[in-house]
């Protein structure tokens, strides 16, 4: 059986994760692979309900409660969708995972990053991606992209610039600590150039 492969896409809001996920899925399918494309939160029916709470709930959510909601979604998502797909030999292509919690709830909400990572790893039973693609973009440039594309922002997108600056810095620290897992890509580059760099990193693994 062909080995499964777990690929995650990370980065701040507005960096182009959805665009690159679609291009990568198309390329992987052309290589003859079965791709399960998903996201956190929202990859399962339970996750859709969690997503509505954490991103669109009216009013404040305590930072620790927010972190626990993401962890609950992650536990269910990994157990019911991600692991079964990997065991079938599929490629799981996922928008956001543990690194998002460390960056957004750890750095963004100013919680203990190691505690957030430990919680997430416990929820996921230790599962880490084979490759994490970090689309890196200055937070002001990312905000300008969002401003041109939408009129309604979710709870995290609506946070101030300093929040998003902390998130970006946290992502870069994570990538520096695990260079063998991360591919850091300049998200200001042309879309096709980014896609080509991602494909090059995956050549020989699919």
Protein backbone atom coordinates (compact mmCIF):
# COMPACT_ATOMS: atom_id res chain seq x y z
CA UNK A 1 0.00 0.00 0.00
CA UNK A 2 1.20 3.52 -0.78
CA UNK A 3 2.17 5.38 2.36
CA UNK A 4 -0.11 8.15 3.54
CA UNK A 5 1.23 11.69 3.74
CA UNK A 6 0.07 14.45 6.08
CA UNK A 7 0.59 17.98 4.73
CA UNK A 8 -0.56 21.11 6.53
CA UNK A 9 -0.71 24.71 5.35
CA UNK A 10 -0.11 27.45 7.89
CA UNK A 11 0.19 31.21 8.01
CA UNK A 12 -1.72 34.31 8.97
CA UNK A 13 -5.07 35.28 7.53
CA UNK A 14 -4.86 36.48 3.93
CA UNK A 15 -1.63 34.73 2.95
CA UNK A 16 -3.19 32.53 0.26
CA UNK A 17 -3.50 29.11 1.91
CA UNK A 18 -6.73 28.21 0.11
CA UNK A 19 -5.28 29.11 -3.28
CA UNK A 20 -2.15 27.02 -2.73
CA UNK A 21 -4.15 24.12 -1.29
CA UNK A 22 -6.30 24.00 -4.43
CA UNK A 23 -3.26 24.07 -6.73
CA UNK A 24 -1.45 21.43 -4.70
CA UNK A 25 -4.50 19.17 -4.63
CA UNK A 26 -4.77 19.41 -8.42
CA UNK A 27 -1.11 18.47 -8.84
CA UNK A 28 -1.27 15.58 -6.38
CA UNK A 29 -4.35 14.12 -8.07
CA UNK A 30 -2.48 14.35 -11.39
CA UNK A 31 0.26 12.22 -9.79
CA UNK A 32 -2.35 9.53 -9.18
CA UNK A 33 -2.80 10.14 -5.46
CA UNK A 34 -6.03 10.25 -3.50
CA UNK A 35 -6.26 13.55 -1.63
CA UNK A 36 -8.39 14.30 1.41
CA UNK A 37 -8.59 18.06 1.69
CA UNK A 38 -9.76 19.36 5.03
CA UNK A 39 -9.41 22.18 7.53
CA UNK A 40 -9.42 23.00 11.22
CA UNK A 41 -11.82 23.80 12.57
CA UNK A 42 -14.58 22.62 10.22
CA UNK A 43 -13.38 19.37 8.72
CA UNK A 44 -16.18 17.34 10.30
CA UNK A 45 -19.80 18.03 11.27
CA UNK A 46 -18.67 18.56 14.84
CA UNK A 47 -15.91 20.83 13.57
CA UNK A 48 -18.38 22.99 11.65
CA UNK A 49 -20.20 23.68 14.92
CA UNK A 50 -16.93 24.47 16.71
CA UNK A 51 -15.91 26.77 13.86
CA UNK A 52 -19.12 28.73 14.21
CA UNK A 53 -18.44 29.23 17.92
CA UNK A 54 -14.75 30.17 17.78
CA UNK A 55 -14.88 32.35 14.67
CA UNK A 56 -18.36 33.85 14.66
CA UNK A 57 -19.60 33.84 18.26
CA UNK A 58 -20.96 37.22 19.29
CA UNK A 59 -19.19 38.40 22.39
CA UNK A 60 -15.95 37.44 24.08
CA UNK A 61 -14.62 33.92 24.59
CA UNK A 62 -12.04 33.47 27.33
CA UNK A 63 -8.64 32.63 25.74
CA UNK A 64 -8.34 29.30 27.57
CA UNK A 65 -11.86 28.34 26.55
CA UNK A 66 -10.98 29.18 22.95
CA UNK A 67 -7.86 26.99 23.12
CA UNK A 68 -9.86 24.10 24.56
CA UNK A 69 -12.49 24.36 21.82
CA UNK A 70 -9.79 24.11 19.15
CA UNK A 71 -8.26 21.13 20.95
CA UNK A 72 -11.64 19.38 21.16
CA UNK A 73 -12.15 19.82 17.43
CA UNK A 74 -8.63 18.55 16.77
CA UNK A 75 -9.14 15.40 18.83
CA UNK A 76 -12.31 14.49 16.95
CA UNK A 77 -10.94 15.50 13.54
CA UNK A 78 -7.76 13.44 13.86
CA UNK A 79 -9.54 10.38 15.23
CA UNK A 80 -12.39 10.30 12.73
CA UNK A 81 -10.94 11.76 9.51
CA UNK A 82 -7.17 12.29 9.43
CA UNK A 83 -5.83 9.01 10.83
CA UNK A 84 -8.26 6.83 8.85
CA UNK A 85 -7.25 8.61 5.64
CA UNK A 86 -3.53 8.20 6.35
CA UNK A 87 -4.05 4.53 7.15
CA UNK A 88 -5.71 4.10 3.73
CA UNK A 89 -2.60 5.58 2.11
CA UNK A 90 -4.27 8.87 1.18
CA UNK A 91 -2.65 12.29 1.26
CA UNK A 92 -4.28 14.57 3.81
CA UNK A 93 -4.00 18.21 2.78
CA UNK A 94 -5.11 20.35 5.70
CA UNK A 95 -5.62 24.06 6.27
CA UNK A 96 -4.33 24.75 9.83
CA UNK A 97 -3.31 22.36 12.58
CA UNK A 98 -1.34 22.39 15.85
CA UNK A 99 0.96 25.22 14.78
CA UNK A 100 -2.06 27.49 14.37
CA UNK A 101 -3.01 26.94 18.00
CA UNK A 102 0.51 27.66 19.19
CA UNK A 103 0.64 30.84 17.09
CA UNK A 104 -2.88 32.17 17.58
CA UNK A 105 -3.81 31.03 21.08
CA UNK A 106 -0.24 30.85 22.41
CA UNK A 107 1.30 34.02 21.02
CA UNK A 108 -1.78 35.89 19.84
CA UNK A 109 -3.76 35.39 23.05
CA UNK A 110 -0.56 35.49 25.15
CA UNK A 111 -1.03 32.06 26.69
CA UNK A 112 1.79 29.61 27.44
CA UNK A 113 2.86 28.32 24.01
CA UNK A 114 4.30 25.07 25.38
CA UNK A 115 1.09 24.30 27.26
CA UNK A 116 -0.93 24.94 24.10
CA UNK A 117 1.36 22.64 22.10
CA UNK A 118 1.19 19.93 24.76
CA UNK A 119 -2.61 20.17 24.85
CA UNK A 120 -2.81 19.91 21.08
CA UNK A 121 -0.44 16.95 20.91
CA UNK A 122 -2.46 15.17 23.59
CA UNK A 123 -5.66 15.82 21.62
CA UNK A 124 -4.05 14.53 18.42
CA UNK A 125 -2.36 11.55 20.12
CA UNK A 126 1.01 12.90 19.06
CA UNK A 127 0.34 13.13 15.33
CA UNK A 128 2.55 15.66 13.55
CA UNK A 129 2.52 16.53 9.83
CA UNK A 130 5.09 15.11 7.43
CA UNK A 131 5.35 18.57 5.90
CA UNK A 132 4.11 21.97 7.05
CA UNK A 133 4.00 24.70 4.43
CA UNK A 134 4.25 28.12 6.08
CA UNK A 135 3.10 30.93 3.82
CA UNK A 136 4.81 33.95 5.33
CA UNK A 137 3.61 37.50 4.68
CA UNK A 138 3.91 40.80 6.51
CA UNK A 139 0.76 41.28 8.57
CA UNK A 140 -0.04 44.66 7.00
CA UNK A 141 0.20 43.24 3.49
CA UNK A 142 -2.01 40.33 4.53
CA UNK A 143 -4.58 42.76 5.96
CA UNK A 144 -4.59 44.71 2.70
CA UNK A 145 -5.42 41.48 0.85
CA UNK A 146 -8.28 40.76 3.23
CA UNK A 147 -9.59 44.31 2.93
CA UNK A 148 -9.78 43.95 -0.85
CA UNK A 149 -11.50 40.56 -0.71
CA UNK A 150 -14.19 40.78 1.96
CA UNK A 151 -16.38 43.03 4.04
CA UNK A 152 -16.99 40.75 7.04
CA UNK A 153 -14.21 39.45 9.26
CA UNK A 154 -14.22 36.56 11.70
CA UNK A 155 -13.13 36.99 15.32
CA UNK A 156 -9.46 36.33 14.62
CA UNK A 157 -9.22 38.28 11.37
CA UNK A 158 -10.69 41.30 13.18
CA UNK A 159 -7.90 41.41 15.77
CA UNK A 160 -5.48 44.36 15.83
CA UNK A 161 -2.21 44.49 13.93
CA UNK A 162 -0.09 43.73 17.02
CA UNK A 163 -2.00 40.45 17.50
CA UNK A 164 -1.20 39.38 13.93
CA UNK A 165 2.42 40.48 14.32
CA UNK A 166 2.77 38.17 17.34
CA UNK A 167 1.18 35.34 15.35
CA UNK A 168 3.62 35.80 12.48
CA UNK A 169 6.63 35.90 14.80
CA UNK A 170 5.46 32.73 16.52
CA UNK A 171 5.12 30.91 13.21
CA UNK A 172 8.65 31.87 12.20
CA UNK A 173 10.01 30.66 15.55
CA UNK A 174 8.24 27.33 15.08
CA UNK A 175 9.70 26.96 11.59
CA UNK A 176 13.21 27.79 12.81
CA UNK A 177 12.90 25.16 15.54
CA UNK A 178 11.81 22.39 13.12
CA UNK A 179 13.37 23.12 9.72
CA UNK A 180 13.06 19.49 8.64
CA UNK A 181 9.26 19.67 8.92
CA UNK A 182 8.64 23.21 7.69
CA UNK A 183 8.86 24.77 4.25
CA UNK A 184 8.76 28.55 4.65
CA UNK A 185 7.57 30.31 1.50
CA UNK A 186 7.46 34.05 0.80
CA UNK A 187 3.74 34.56 0.21
CA UNK A 188 4.36 37.88 -1.54
CA UNK A 189 5.74 36.01 -4.56
CA UNK A 190 3.57 35.15 -7.60
CA UNK A 191 1.08 32.33 -7.00
CA UNK A 192 2.58 30.05 -9.64
CA UNK A 193 6.11 30.49 -8.27
CA UNK A 194 4.93 29.52 -4.80
CA UNK A 195 3.15 26.45 -6.16
CA UNK A 196 6.29 25.39 -8.05
CA UNK A 197 8.42 25.66 -4.90
CA UNK A 198 5.96 23.50 -2.96
CA UNK A 199 5.90 20.87 -5.71
CA UNK A 200 9.69 20.80 -5.78
CA UNK A 201 9.82 20.09 -2.04
CA UNK A 202 7.35 17.22 -2.49
CA UNK A 203 9.02 15.68 -5.52
CA UNK A 204 10.06 12.12 -4.74
CA UNK A 205 7.67 11.88 -1.77
CA UNK A 206 4.45 11.35 -3.74
